[in-house]
PDB file of all heavy atoms in Angstrom:
ATOM      1  N   GLN A   1     -13.362 -21.618   3.762  1.00  0.00           N
ATOM      2  CA  GLN A   1     -12.947 -21.000   2.515  1.00  0.00           C
ATOM      3  C   GLN A   1     -14.021 -20.056   1.969  1.00  0.00           C
ATOM      4  O   GLN A   1     -13.719 -18.978   1.464  1.00  0.00           O
ATOM      5  CB  GLN A   1     -12.611 -22.071   1.476  1.00  0.00           C
ATOM      6  CG  GLN A   1     -11.326 -22.827   1.777  1.00  0.00           C
ATOM      7  CD  GLN A   1     -11.062 -23.939   0.781  1.00  0.00           C
ATOM      8  OE1 GLN A   1     -11.984 -24.404   0.117  1.00  0.00           O
ATOM      9  NE2 GLN A   1      -9.810 -24.385   0.710  1.00  0.00           N
ATOM     10  N   GLN A   2     -15.275 -20.480   2.088  1.00  0.00           N
ATOM     11  CA  GLN A   2     -16.354 -19.612   1.634  1.00  0.00           C
ATOM     12  C   GLN A   2     -16.389 -18.321   2.441  1.00  0.00           C
ATOM     13  O   GLN A   2     -16.580 -17.227   1.890  1.00  0.00           O
ATOM     14  CB  GLN A   2     -17.691 -20.351   1.748  1.00  0.00           C
ATOM     15  CG  GLN A   2     -17.844 -21.514   0.759  1.00  0.00           C
ATOM     16  CD  GLN A   2     -19.108 -22.317   0.992  1.00  0.00           C
ATOM     17  OE1 GLN A   2     -19.929 -21.949   1.820  1.00  0.00           O
ATOM     18  NE2 GLN A   2     -19.241 -23.421   0.277  1.00  0.00           N
ATOM     19  N   ARG A   3     -16.232 -18.455   3.766  1.00  0.00           N
ATOM     20  CA  ARG A   3     -16.254 -17.267   4.610  1.00  0.00           C
ATOM     21  C   ARG A   3     -15.056 -16.355   4.297  1.00  0.00           C
ATOM     22  O   ARG A   3     -15.205 -15.129   4.214  1.00  0.00           O
ATOM     23  CB  ARG A   3     -16.228 -17.693   6.081  1.00  0.00           C
ATOM     24  CG  ARG A   3     -16.260 -16.523   7.067  1.00  0.00           C
ATOM     25  CD  ARG A   3     -17.541 -15.715   6.914  1.00  0.00           C
ATOM     26  NE  ARG A   3     -18.710 -16.523   7.141  1.00  0.00           N
ATOM     27  CZ  ARG A   3     -19.243 -16.748   8.354  1.00  0.00           C
ATOM     28  NH1 ARG A   3     -18.679 -16.202   9.421  1.00  0.00           N
ATOM     29  NH2 ARG A   3     -20.312 -17.487   8.486  1.00  0.00           N
ATOM     30  N   ILE A   4     -13.878 -16.948   4.117  1.00  0.00           N
ATOM     31  CA  ILE A   4     -12.687 -16.158   3.785  1.00  0.00           C
ATOM     32  C   ILE A   4     -12.868 -15.458   2.446  1.00  0.00           C
ATOM     33  O   ILE A   4     -12.517 -14.284   2.280  1.00  0.00           O
ATOM     34  CB  ILE A   4     -11.431 -17.053   3.769  1.00  0.00           C
ATOM     35  CG1 ILE A   4     -11.108 -17.536   5.192  1.00  0.00           C
ATOM     36  CG2 ILE A   4     -10.239 -16.311   3.172  1.00  0.00           C
ATOM     37  CD1 ILE A   4      -9.973 -18.526   5.243  1.00  0.00           C
ATOM     38  N   ARG A   5     -13.429 -16.189   1.479  1.00  0.00           N
ATOM     39  CA  ARG A   5     -13.634 -15.610   0.153  1.00  0.00           C
ATOM     40  C   ARG A   5     -14.583 -14.414   0.210  1.00  0.00           C
ATOM     41  O   ARG A   5     -14.345 -13.373  -0.411  1.00  0.00           O
ATOM     42  CB  ARG A   5     -14.161 -16.678  -0.796  1.00  0.00           C
ATOM     43  CG  ARG A   5     -14.135 -16.279  -2.260  1.00  0.00           C
ATOM     44  CD  ARG A   5     -14.626 -17.413  -3.139  1.00  0.00           C
ATOM     45  NE  ARG A   5     -13.755 -18.569  -3.011  1.00  0.00           N
ATOM     46  CZ  ARG A   5     -14.109 -19.709  -2.407  1.00  0.00           C
ATOM     47  NH1 ARG A   5     -15.314 -19.828  -1.880  1.00  0.00           N
ATOM     48  NH2 ARG A   5     -13.264 -20.714  -2.348  1.00  0.00           N
ATOM     49  N   ALA A   6     -15.666 -14.569   0.974  1.00  0.00           N
ATOM     50  CA  ALA A   6     -16.615 -13.460   1.095  1.00  0.00           C
ATOM     51  C   ALA A   6     -15.971 -12.264   1.779  1.00  0.00           C
ATOM     52  O   ALA A   6     -16.154 -11.106   1.365  1.00  0.00           O
ATOM     53  CB  ALA A   6     -17.838 -13.927   1.877  1.00  0.00           C
ATOM     54  N   ASN A   7     -15.190 -12.531   2.833  1.00  0.00           N
ATOM     55  CA  ASN A   7     -14.510 -11.436   3.529  1.00  0.00           C
ATOM     56  C   ASN A   7     -13.473 -10.760   2.646  1.00  0.00           C
ATOM     57  O   ASN A   7     -13.272  -9.540   2.702  1.00  0.00           O
ATOM     58  CB  ASN A   7     -13.858 -11.956   4.814  1.00  0.00           C
ATOM     59  CG  ASN A   7     -14.884 -12.343   5.874  1.00  0.00           C
ATOM     60  OD1 ASN A   7     -16.027 -11.860   5.848  1.00  0.00           O
ATOM     61  ND2 ASN A   7     -14.511 -13.218   6.785  1.00  0.00           N
ATOM     62  N   GLN A   8     -12.780 -11.577   1.825  1.00  0.00           N
ATOM     63  CA  GLN A   8     -11.794 -11.000   0.920  1.00  0.00           C
ATOM     64  C   GLN A   8     -12.446 -10.084  -0.111  1.00  0.00           C
ATOM     65  O   GLN A   8     -11.919  -9.006  -0.426  1.00  0.00           O
ATOM     66  CB  GLN A   8     -11.022 -12.108   0.211  1.00  0.00           C
ATOM     67  CG  GLN A   8     -10.008 -12.817   1.097  1.00  0.00           C
ATOM     68  CD  GLN A   8      -9.313 -13.951   0.379  1.00  0.00           C
ATOM     69  OE1 GLN A   8      -9.836 -14.484  -0.605  1.00  0.00           O
ATOM     70  NE2 GLN A   8      -8.155 -14.347   0.884  1.00  0.00           N
ATOM     71  N   GLN A   9     -13.586 -10.508  -0.639  1.00  0.00           N
ATOM     72  CA  GLN A   9     -14.289  -9.660  -1.599  1.00  0.00           C
ATOM     73  C   GLN A   9     -14.742  -8.361  -0.953  1.00  0.00           C
ATOM     74  O   GLN A   9     -14.630  -7.278  -1.543  1.00  0.00           O
ATOM     75  CB  GLN A   9     -15.487 -10.419  -2.168  1.00  0.00           C
ATOM     76  CG  GLN A   9     -15.091 -11.600  -3.067  1.00  0.00           C
ATOM     77  CD  GLN A   9     -16.290 -12.396  -3.533  1.00  0.00           C
ATOM     78  OE1 GLN A   9     -17.399 -12.205  -3.046  1.00  0.00           O
ATOM     79  NE2 GLN A   9     -16.055 -13.311  -4.469  1.00  0.00           N
ATOM     80  N   ASN A  10     -15.245  -8.469   0.284  1.00  0.00           N
ATOM     81  CA  ASN A  10     -15.674  -7.274   0.997  1.00  0.00           C
ATOM     82  C   ASN A  10     -14.489  -6.356   1.286  1.00  0.00           C
ATOM     83  O   ASN A  10     -14.564  -5.129   1.145  1.00  0.00           O
ATOM     84  CB  ASN A  10     -16.366  -7.682   2.303  1.00  0.00           C
ATOM     85  CG  ASN A  10     -17.028  -6.495   2.992  1.00  0.00           C
ATOM     86  OD1 ASN A  10     -17.509  -5.564   2.350  1.00  0.00           O
ATOM     87  ND2 ASN A  10     -17.047  -6.518   4.311  1.00  0.00           N
ATOM     88  N   LEU A  11     -13.352  -6.977   1.657  1.00  0.00           N
ATOM     89  CA  LEU A  11     -12.146  -6.194   1.944  1.00  0.00           C
ATOM     90  C   LEU A  11     -11.637  -5.501   0.690  1.00  0.00           C
ATOM     91  O   LEU A  11     -11.210  -4.340   0.739  1.00  0.00           O
ATOM     92  CB  LEU A  11     -11.063  -7.110   2.520  1.00  0.00           C
ATOM     93  CG  LEU A  11      -9.724  -6.461   2.857  1.00  0.00           C
ATOM     94  CD1 LEU A  11      -9.922  -5.381   3.920  1.00  0.00           C
ATOM     95  CD2 LEU A  11      -8.726  -7.504   3.332  1.00  0.00           C
ATOM     96  N   THR A  12     -11.687  -6.197  -0.443  1.00  0.00           N
ATOM     97  CA  THR A  12     -11.241  -5.594  -1.700  1.00  0.00           C
ATOM     98  C   THR A  12     -12.103  -4.391  -2.062  1.00  0.00           C
ATOM     99  O   THR A  12     -11.603  -3.347  -2.512  1.00  0.00           O
ATOM    100  CB  THR A  12     -11.298  -6.630  -2.836  1.00  0.00           C
ATOM    101  OG1 THR A  12     -10.447  -7.734  -2.493  1.00  0.00           O
ATOM    102  CG2 THR A  12     -10.829  -6.032  -4.149  1.00  0.00           C
ATOM    103  N   HIS A  13     -13.410  -4.546  -1.838  1.00  0.00           N
ATOM    104  CA  HIS A  13     -14.330  -3.441  -2.132  1.00  0.00           C
ATOM    105  C   HIS A  13     -14.032  -2.236  -1.250  1.00  0.00           C
ATOM    106  O   HIS A  13     -13.973  -1.089  -1.711  1.00  0.00           O
ATOM    107  CB  HIS A  13     -15.781  -3.902  -1.941  1.00  0.00           C
ATOM    108  CG  HIS A  13     -16.795  -2.806  -2.131  1.00  0.00           C
ATOM    109  ND1 HIS A  13     -17.040  -2.238  -3.357  1.00  0.00           N
ATOM    110  CD2 HIS A  13     -17.607  -2.185  -1.228  1.00  0.00           C
ATOM    111  CE1 HIS A  13     -17.966  -1.292  -3.220  1.00  0.00           C
ATOM    112  NE2 HIS A  13     -18.327  -1.239  -1.941  1.00  0.00           N
ATOM    113  N   LEU A  14     -13.808  -2.499   0.045  1.00  0.00           N
ATOM    114  CA  LEU A  14     -13.514  -1.400   0.967  1.00  0.00           C
ATOM    115  C   LEU A  14     -12.154  -0.779   0.666  1.00  0.00           C
ATOM    116  O   LEU A  14     -11.980   0.443   0.771  1.00  0.00           O
ATOM    117  CB  LEU A  14     -13.558  -1.912   2.410  1.00  0.00           C
ATOM    118  CG  LEU A  14     -14.938  -2.364   2.920  1.00  0.00           C
ATOM    119  CD1 LEU A  14     -14.820  -2.954   4.313  1.00  0.00           C
ATOM    120  CD2 LEU A  14     -15.926  -1.207   2.916  1.00  0.00           C
ATOM    121  N   SER A  15     -11.179  -1.630   0.290  1.00  0.00           N
ATOM    122  CA  SER A  15      -9.833  -1.121   0.010  1.00  0.00           C
ATOM    123  C   SER A  15      -9.830  -0.192  -1.191  1.00  0.00           C
ATOM    124  O   SER A  15      -9.055   0.770  -1.249  1.00  0.00           O
ATOM    125  CB  SER A  15      -8.866  -2.285  -0.234  1.00  0.00           C
ATOM    126  OG  SER A  15      -8.767  -3.091   0.917  1.00  0.00           O
ATOM    127  N   SER A  16     -10.675  -0.491  -2.180  1.00  0.00           N
ATOM    128  CA  SER A  16     -10.735   0.365  -3.369  1.00  0.00           C
ATOM    129  C   SER A  16     -11.263   1.758  -3.042  1.00  0.00           C
ATOM    130  O   SER A  16     -11.020   2.720  -3.767  1.00  0.00           O
ATOM    131  CB  SER A  16     -11.600  -0.294  -4.443  1.00  0.00           C
ATOM    132  OG  SER A  16     -12.936  -0.403  -3.994  1.00  0.00           O
ATOM    133  N   ARG A  17     -12.008   1.862  -1.938  1.00  0.00           N
ATOM    134  CA  ARG A  17     -12.564   3.162  -1.549  1.00  0.00           C
ATOM    135  C   ARG A  17     -11.669   3.901  -0.557  1.00  0.00           C
ATOM    136  O   ARG A  17     -11.858   5.099  -0.328  1.00  0.00           O
ATOM    137  CB  ARG A  17     -13.954   2.953  -0.921  1.00  0.00           C
ATOM    138  CG  ARG A  17     -14.938   2.282  -1.866  1.00  0.00           C
ATOM    139  CD  ARG A  17     -16.226   1.940  -1.149  1.00  0.00           C
ATOM    140  NE  ARG A  17     -16.843   3.114  -0.541  1.00  0.00           N
ATOM    141  CZ  ARG A  17     -17.890   3.071   0.300  1.00  0.00           C
ATOM    142  NH1 ARG A  17     -18.440   1.910   0.608  1.00  0.00           N
ATOM    143  NH2 ARG A  17     -18.386   4.181   0.828  1.00  0.00           N
ATOM    144  N   LEU A  18     -10.750   3.196   0.030  1.00  0.00           N
ATOM    145  CA  LEU A  18      -9.922   3.797   1.075  1.00  0.00           C
ATOM    146  C   LEU A  18      -8.514   4.040   0.548  1.00  0.00           C
ATOM    147  O   LEU A  18      -7.882   3.125   0.024  1.00  0.00           O
ATOM    148  CB  LEU A  18      -9.861   2.868   2.295  1.00  0.00           C
ATOM    149  CG  LEU A  18      -8.969   3.324   3.458  1.00  0.00           C
ATOM    150  CD1 LEU A  18      -9.539   4.607   4.074  1.00  0.00           C
ATOM    151  CD2 LEU A  18      -8.862   2.229   4.511  1.00  0.00           C
ATOM    152  N   ARG A  19      -8.040   5.240   0.671  1.00  0.00           N
ATOM    153  CA  ARG A  19      -6.660   5.557   0.302  1.00  0.00           C
ATOM    154  C   ARG A  19      -5.769   5.285   1.492  1.00  0.00           C
ATOM    155  O   ARG A  19      -5.911   5.903   2.554  1.00  0.00           O
ATOM    156  CB  ARG A  19      -6.545   7.024  -0.121  1.00  0.00           C
ATOM    157  CG  ARG A  19      -7.248   7.331  -1.427  1.00  0.00           C
ATOM    158  CD  ARG A  19      -6.909   8.709  -1.911  1.00  0.00           C
ATOM    159  NE  ARG A  19      -5.507   8.794  -2.233  1.00  0.00           N
ATOM    160  CZ  ARG A  19      -4.779   9.892  -2.020  1.00  0.00           C
ATOM    161  NH1 ARG A  19      -5.320  10.954  -1.488  1.00  0.00           N
ATOM    162  NH2 ARG A  19      -3.501   9.904  -2.331  1.00  0.00           N
ATOM    163  N   HIS A  20      -4.857   4.367   1.317  1.00  0.00           N
ATOM    164  CA  HIS A  20      -4.006   3.924   2.429  1.00  0.00           C
ATOM    165  C   HIS A  20      -2.973   5.004   2.771  1.00  0.00           C
ATOM    166  O   HIS A  20      -2.332   5.566   1.876  1.00  0.00           O
ATOM    167  CB  HIS A  20      -3.288   2.628   2.042  1.00  0.00           C
ATOM    168  CG  HIS A  20      -2.751   1.876   3.214  1.00  0.00           C
ATOM    169  ND1 HIS A  20      -1.616   2.251   3.865  1.00  0.00           N
ATOM    170  CD2 HIS A  20      -3.220   0.765   3.848  1.00  0.00           C
ATOM    171  CE1 HIS A  20      -1.380   1.424   4.861  1.00  0.00           C
ATOM    172  NE2 HIS A  20      -2.337   0.507   4.871  1.00  0.00           N
ATOM    173  N   PRO A  21      -2.817   5.327   4.074  1.00  0.00           N
ATOM    174  CA  PRO A  21      -1.799   6.332   4.434  1.00  0.00           C
ATOM    175  C   PRO A  21      -0.383   5.889   4.097  1.00  0.00           C
ATOM    176  O   PRO A  21       0.529   6.708   4.057  1.00  0.00           O
ATOM    177  CB  PRO A  21      -1.990   6.485   5.951  1.00  0.00           C
ATOM    178  CG  PRO A  21      -2.677   5.236   6.394  1.00  0.00           C
ATOM    179  CD  PRO A  21      -3.553   4.824   5.251  1.00  0.00           C
ATOM    180  N   GLY A  22      -0.215   4.598   3.857  1.00  0.00           N
ATOM    181  CA  GLY A  22       1.122   4.113   3.506  1.00  0.00           C
ATOM    182  C   GLY A  22       1.611   4.598   2.161  1.00  0.00           C
ATOM    183  O   GLY A  22       2.806   4.498   1.855  1.00  0.00           O
ATOM    184  N   GLN A  23       0.702   5.142   1.322  1.00  0.00           N
ATOM    185  CA  GLN A  23       1.123   5.638   0.012  1.00  0.00           C
ATOM    186  C   GLN A  23       2.093   6.816   0.158  1.00  0.00           C
ATOM    187  O   GLN A  23       3.066   6.921  -0.585  1.00  0.00           O
ATOM    188  CB  GLN A  23      -0.097   6.046  -0.799  1.00  0.00           C
ATOM    189  CG  GLN A  23      -0.992   4.876  -1.185  1.00  0.00           C
ATOM    190  CD  GLN A  23      -2.200   5.311  -1.979  1.00  0.00           C
ATOM    191  OE1 GLN A  23      -2.338   6.490  -2.320  1.00  0.00           O
ATOM    192  NE2 GLN A  23      -3.094   4.378  -2.283  1.00  0.00           N
ATOM    193  N   GLN A  24       1.777   7.702   1.116  1.00  0.00           N
ATOM    194  CA  GLN A  24       2.692   8.819   1.351  1.00  0.00           C
ATOM    195  C   GLN A  24       4.029   8.314   1.869  1.00  0.00           C
ATOM    196  O   GLN A  24       5.101   8.811   1.499  1.00  0.00           O
ATOM    197  CB  GLN A  24       2.073   9.788   2.367  1.00  0.00           C
ATOM    198  CG  GLN A  24       2.872  11.071   2.569  1.00  0.00           C
ATOM    199  CD  GLN A  24       2.897  11.948   1.324  1.00  0.00           C
ATOM    200  OE1 GLN A  24       2.025  11.858   0.469  1.00  0.00           O
ATOM    201  NE2 GLN A  24       3.899  12.805   1.224  1.00  0.00           N
ATOM    202  N   LEU A  25       3.966   7.283   2.721  1.00  0.00           N
ATOM    203  CA  LEU A  25       5.207   6.688   3.233  1.00  0.00           C
ATOM    204  C   LEU A  25       6.011   6.061   2.100  1.00  0.00           C
ATOM    205  O   LEU A  25       7.240   6.137   2.081  1.00  0.00           O
ATOM    206  CB  LEU A  25       4.863   5.635   4.292  1.00  0.00           C
ATOM    207  CG  LEU A  25       6.041   4.874   4.917  1.00  0.00           C
ATOM    208  CD1 LEU A  25       6.987   5.843   5.618  1.00  0.00           C
ATOM    209  CD2 LEU A  25       5.547   3.820   5.894  1.00  0.00           C
ATOM    210  N   GLN A  26       5.324   5.447   1.145  1.00  0.00           N
ATOM    211  CA  GLN A  26       6.024   4.852  -0.002  1.00  0.00           C
ATOM    212  C   GLN A  26       6.739   5.917  -0.810  1.00  0.00           C
ATOM    213  O   GLN A  26       7.861   5.699  -1.302  1.00  0.00           O
ATOM    214  CB  GLN A  26       5.025   4.095  -0.874  1.00  0.00           C
ATOM    215  CG  GLN A  26       4.506   2.817  -0.237  1.00  0.00           C
ATOM    216  CD  GLN A  26       3.478   2.119  -1.110  1.00  0.00           C
ATOM    217  OE1 GLN A  26       3.000   2.686  -2.096  1.00  0.00           O
ATOM    218  NE2 GLN A  26       3.125   0.903  -0.754  1.00  0.00           N
ATOM    219  N   GLN A  27       6.103   7.099  -0.946  1.00  0.00           N
ATOM    220  CA  GLN A  27       6.768   8.200  -1.645  1.00  0.00           C
ATOM    221  C   GLN A  27       8.058   8.590  -0.936  1.00  0.00           C
ATOM    222  O   GLN A  27       9.102   8.787  -1.562  1.00  0.00           O
ATOM    223  CB  GLN A  27       5.819   9.409  -1.702  1.00  0.00           C
ATOM    224  CG  GLN A  27       4.677   9.257  -2.695  1.00  0.00           C
ATOM    225  CD  GLN A  27       5.081   9.688  -4.095  1.00  0.00           C
ATOM    226  OE1 GLN A  27       6.108  10.321  -4.286  1.00  0.00           O
ATOM    227  NE2 GLN A  27       4.267   9.328  -5.074  1.00  0.00           N
ATOM    228  N   LYS A  28       7.981   8.684   0.402  1.00  0.00           N
ATOM    229  CA  LYS A  28       9.163   9.055   1.168  1.00  0.00           C
ATOM    230  C   LYS A  28      10.240   7.969   1.082  1.00  0.00           C
ATOM    231  O   LYS A  28      11.444   8.272   1.006  1.00  0.00           O
ATOM    232  CB  LYS A  28       8.780   9.316   2.630  1.00  0.00           C
ATOM    233  CG  LYS A  28       7.806  10.477   2.822  1.00  0.00           C
ATOM    234  CD  LYS A  28       8.404  11.792   2.297  1.00  0.00           C
ATOM    235  CE  LYS A  28       7.450  12.948   2.519  1.00  0.00           C
ATOM    236  NZ  LYS A  28       7.985  14.222   1.955  1.00  0.00           N
ATOM    237  N   MET A  29       9.813   6.716   1.127  1.00  0.00           N
ATOM    238  CA  MET A  29      10.788   5.623   1.028  1.00  0.00           C
ATOM    239  C   MET A  29      11.478   5.644  -0.328  1.00  0.00           C
ATOM    240  O   MET A  29      12.683   5.427  -0.426  1.00  0.00           O
ATOM    241  CB  MET A  29      10.092   4.272   1.257  1.00  0.00           C
ATOM    242  CG  MET A  29       9.669   4.040   2.692  1.00  0.00           C
ATOM    243  SD  MET A  29       9.144   2.330   3.022  1.00  0.00           S
ATOM    244  CE  MET A  29       7.724   2.194   1.960  1.00  0.00           C
ATOM    245  N   GLN A  30      10.713   5.920  -1.379  1.00  0.00           N
ATOM    246  CA  GLN A  30      11.311   5.986  -2.709  1.00  0.00           C
ATOM    247  C   GLN A  30      12.280   7.158  -2.802  1.00  0.00           C
ATOM    248  O   GLN A  30      13.364   7.046  -3.395  1.00  0.00           O
ATOM    249  CB  GLN A  30      10.215   6.117  -3.761  1.00  0.00           C
ATOM    250  CG  GLN A  30      10.744   6.012  -5.198  1.00  0.00           C
ATOM    251  CD  GLN A  30       9.621   5.942  -6.208  1.00  0.00           C
ATOM    252  OE1 GLN A  30       8.452   5.945  -5.853  1.00  0.00           O
ATOM    253  NE2 GLN A  30       9.973   5.881  -7.471  1.00  0.00           N
ATOM    254  N   GLN A  31      11.897   8.291  -2.187  1.00  0.00           N
ATOM    255  CA  GLN A  31      12.793   9.457  -2.189  1.00  0.00           C
ATOM    256  C   GLN A  31      14.076   9.148  -1.424  1.00  0.00           C
ATOM    257  O   GLN A  31      15.180   9.523  -1.855  1.00  0.00           O
ATOM    258  CB  GLN A  31      12.077  10.654  -1.558  1.00  0.00           C
ATOM    259  CG  GLN A  31      12.871  11.962  -1.662  1.00  0.00           C
ATOM    260  CD  GLN A  31      12.079  13.149  -1.141  1.00  0.00           C
ATOM    261  OE1 GLN A  31      10.971  12.989  -0.631  1.00  0.00           O
ATOM    262  NE2 GLN A  31      12.635  14.327  -1.269  1.00  0.00           N
ATOM    263  N   LEU A  32      13.934   8.427  -0.297  1.00  0.00           N
ATOM    264  CA  LEU A  32      15.113   8.027   0.475  1.00  0.00           C
ATOM    265  C   LEU A  32      16.013   7.112  -0.346  1.00  0.00           C
ATOM    266  O   LEU A  32      17.251   7.243  -0.311  1.00  0.00           O
ATOM    267  CB  LEU A  32      14.675   7.323   1.760  1.00  0.00           C
ATOM    268  CG  LEU A  32      15.798   6.774   2.657  1.00  0.00           C
ATOM    269  CD1 LEU A  32      16.719   7.909   3.123  1.00  0.00           C
ATOM    270  CD2 LEU A  32      15.225   6.024   3.847  1.00  0.00           C
ATOM    271  N   ASP A  33      15.416   6.206  -1.101  1.00  0.00           N
ATOM    272  CA  ASP A  33      16.216   5.313  -1.949  1.00  0.00           C
ATOM    273  C   ASP A  33      16.978   6.097  -3.006  1.00  0.00           C
ATOM    274  O   ASP A  33      18.147   5.802  -3.310  1.00  0.00           O
ATOM    275  CB  ASP A  33      15.308   4.280  -2.622  1.00  0.00           C
ATOM    276  CG  ASP A  33      14.796   3.237  -1.639  1.00  0.00           C
ATOM    277  OD1 ASP A  33      15.378   3.133  -0.545  1.00  0.00           O
ATOM    278  OD2 ASP A  33      13.822   2.538  -1.976  1.00  0.00           O
ATOM    279  N   GLN A  34      16.319   7.115  -3.596  1.00  0.00           N
ATOM    280  CA  GLN A  34      16.988   7.939  -4.601  1.00  0.00           C
ATOM    281  C   GLN A  34      18.166   8.692  -3.998  1.00  0.00           C
ATOM    282  O   GLN A  34      19.260   8.756  -4.584  1.00  0.00           O
ATOM    283  CB  GLN A  34      15.982   8.931  -5.212  1.00  0.00           C
ATOM    284  CG  GLN A  34      14.874   8.281  -6.026  1.00  0.00           C
ATOM    285  CD  GLN A  34      15.391   7.698  -7.327  1.00  0.00           C
ATOM    286  OE1 GLN A  34      16.457   8.074  -7.812  1.00  0.00           O
ATOM    287  NE2 GLN A  34      14.653   6.763  -7.891  1.00  0.00           N
ATOM    288  N   LEU A  35      17.963   9.251  -2.788  1.00  0.00           N
ATOM    289  CA  LEU A  35      19.052   9.972  -2.134  1.00  0.00           C
ATOM    290  C   LEU A  35      20.182   9.025  -1.750  1.00  0.00           C
ATOM    291  O   LEU A  35      21.365   9.369  -1.868  1.00  0.00           O
ATOM    292  CB  LEU A  35      18.521  10.691  -0.889  1.00  0.00           C
ATOM    293  CG  LEU A  35      17.529  11.846  -1.155  1.00  0.00           C
ATOM    294  CD1 LEU A  35      16.966  12.375   0.151  1.00  0.00           C
ATOM    295  CD2 LEU A  35      18.203  12.971  -1.930  1.00  0.00           C
ATOM    296  N   THR A  36      19.821   7.841  -1.286  1.00  0.00           N
ATOM    297  CA  THR A  36      20.841   6.839  -0.946  1.00  0.00           C
ATOM    298  C   THR A  36      21.650   6.456  -2.169  1.00  0.00           C
ATOM    299  O   THR A  36      22.878   6.311  -2.113  1.00  0.00           O
ATOM    300  CB  THR A  36      20.180   5.598  -0.341  1.00  0.00           C
ATOM    301  OG1 THR A  36      19.399   5.991   0.798  1.00  0.00           O
ATOM    302  CG2 THR A  36      21.224   4.580   0.089  1.00  0.00           C
ATOM    303  N   PHE A  37      20.958   6.301  -3.294  1.00  0.00           N
ATOM    304  CA  PHE A  37      21.650   5.952  -4.541  1.00  0.00           C
ATOM    305  C   PHE A  37      22.615   7.062  -4.954  1.00  0.00           C
ATOM    306  O   PHE A  37      23.754   6.799  -5.359  1.00  0.00           O
ATOM    307  CB  PHE A  37      20.614   5.697  -5.637  1.00  0.00           C
ATOM    308  CG  PHE A  37      21.220   5.396  -6.977  1.00  0.00           C
ATOM    309  CD1 PHE A  37      21.796   4.165  -7.240  1.00  0.00           C
ATOM    310  CD2 PHE A  37      21.225   6.353  -7.987  1.00  0.00           C
ATOM    311  CE1 PHE A  37      22.373   3.896  -8.472  1.00  0.00           C
ATOM    312  CE2 PHE A  37      21.799   6.100  -9.214  1.00  0.00           C
ATOM    313  CZ  PHE A  37      22.364   4.851  -9.451  1.00  0.00           C
ATOM    314  N   ARG A  38      22.157   8.332  -4.832  1.00  0.00           N
ATOM    315  CA  ARG A  38      23.028   9.444  -5.189  1.00  0.00           C
ATOM    316  C   ARG A  38      24.226   9.529  -4.256  1.00  0.00           C
ATOM    317  O   ARG A  38      25.362   9.796  -4.687  1.00  0.00           O
ATOM    318  CB  ARG A  38      22.228  10.746  -5.128  1.00  0.00           C
ATOM    319  CG  ARG A  38      21.198  10.893  -6.249  1.00  0.00           C
ATOM    320  CD  ARG A  38      20.301  12.098  -6.020  1.00  0.00           C
ATOM    321  NE  ARG A  38      21.070  13.330  -5.919  1.00  0.00           N
ATOM    322  CZ  ARG A  38      20.546  14.507  -5.579  1.00  0.00           C
ATOM    323  NH1 ARG A  38      19.251  14.586  -5.309  1.00  0.00           N
ATOM    324  NH2 ARG A  38      21.311  15.584  -5.508  1.00  0.00           N
ATOM    325  N   LEU A  39      24.008   9.265  -2.951  1.00  0.00           N
ATOM    326  CA  LEU A  39      25.109   9.287  -1.992  1.00  0.00           C
ATOM    327  C   LEU A  39      26.118   8.191  -2.310  1.00  0.00           C
ATOM    328  O   LEU A  39      27.337   8.419  -2.294  1.00  0.00           O
ATOM    329  CB  LEU A  39      24.560   9.117  -0.571  1.00  0.00           C
ATOM    330  CG  LEU A  39      25.611   9.036   0.556  1.00  0.00           C
ATOM    331  CD1 LEU A  39      26.441  10.323   0.599  1.00  0.00           C
ATOM    332  CD2 LEU A  39      24.938   8.776   1.893  1.00  0.00           C
ATOM    333  N   ASN A  40      25.611   6.993  -2.597  1.00  0.00           N
ATOM    334  CA  ASN A  40      26.520   5.885  -2.925  1.00  0.00           C
ATOM    335  C   ASN A  40      27.311   6.179  -4.194  1.00  0.00           C
ATOM    336  O   ASN A  40      28.502   5.854  -4.297  1.00  0.00           O
ATOM    337  CB  ASN A  40      25.714   4.586  -3.096  1.00  0.00           C
ATOM    338  CG  ASN A  40      25.136   4.092  -1.788  1.00  0.00           C
ATOM    339  OD1 ASN A  40      25.647   4.425  -0.710  1.00  0.00           O
ATOM    340  ND2 ASN A  40      24.074   3.313  -1.852  1.00  0.00           N
TER     341      ASN A  40
END
């Protein structure tokens, strides 16, 4: 648990500095949902 906790803190620190490429994908997924809603 101590090792996991330390790794999690390190991962959180690194994640705050790294912009995940999935953010652009989330934008596209949201746009697809909007178009699907309009089609329906």
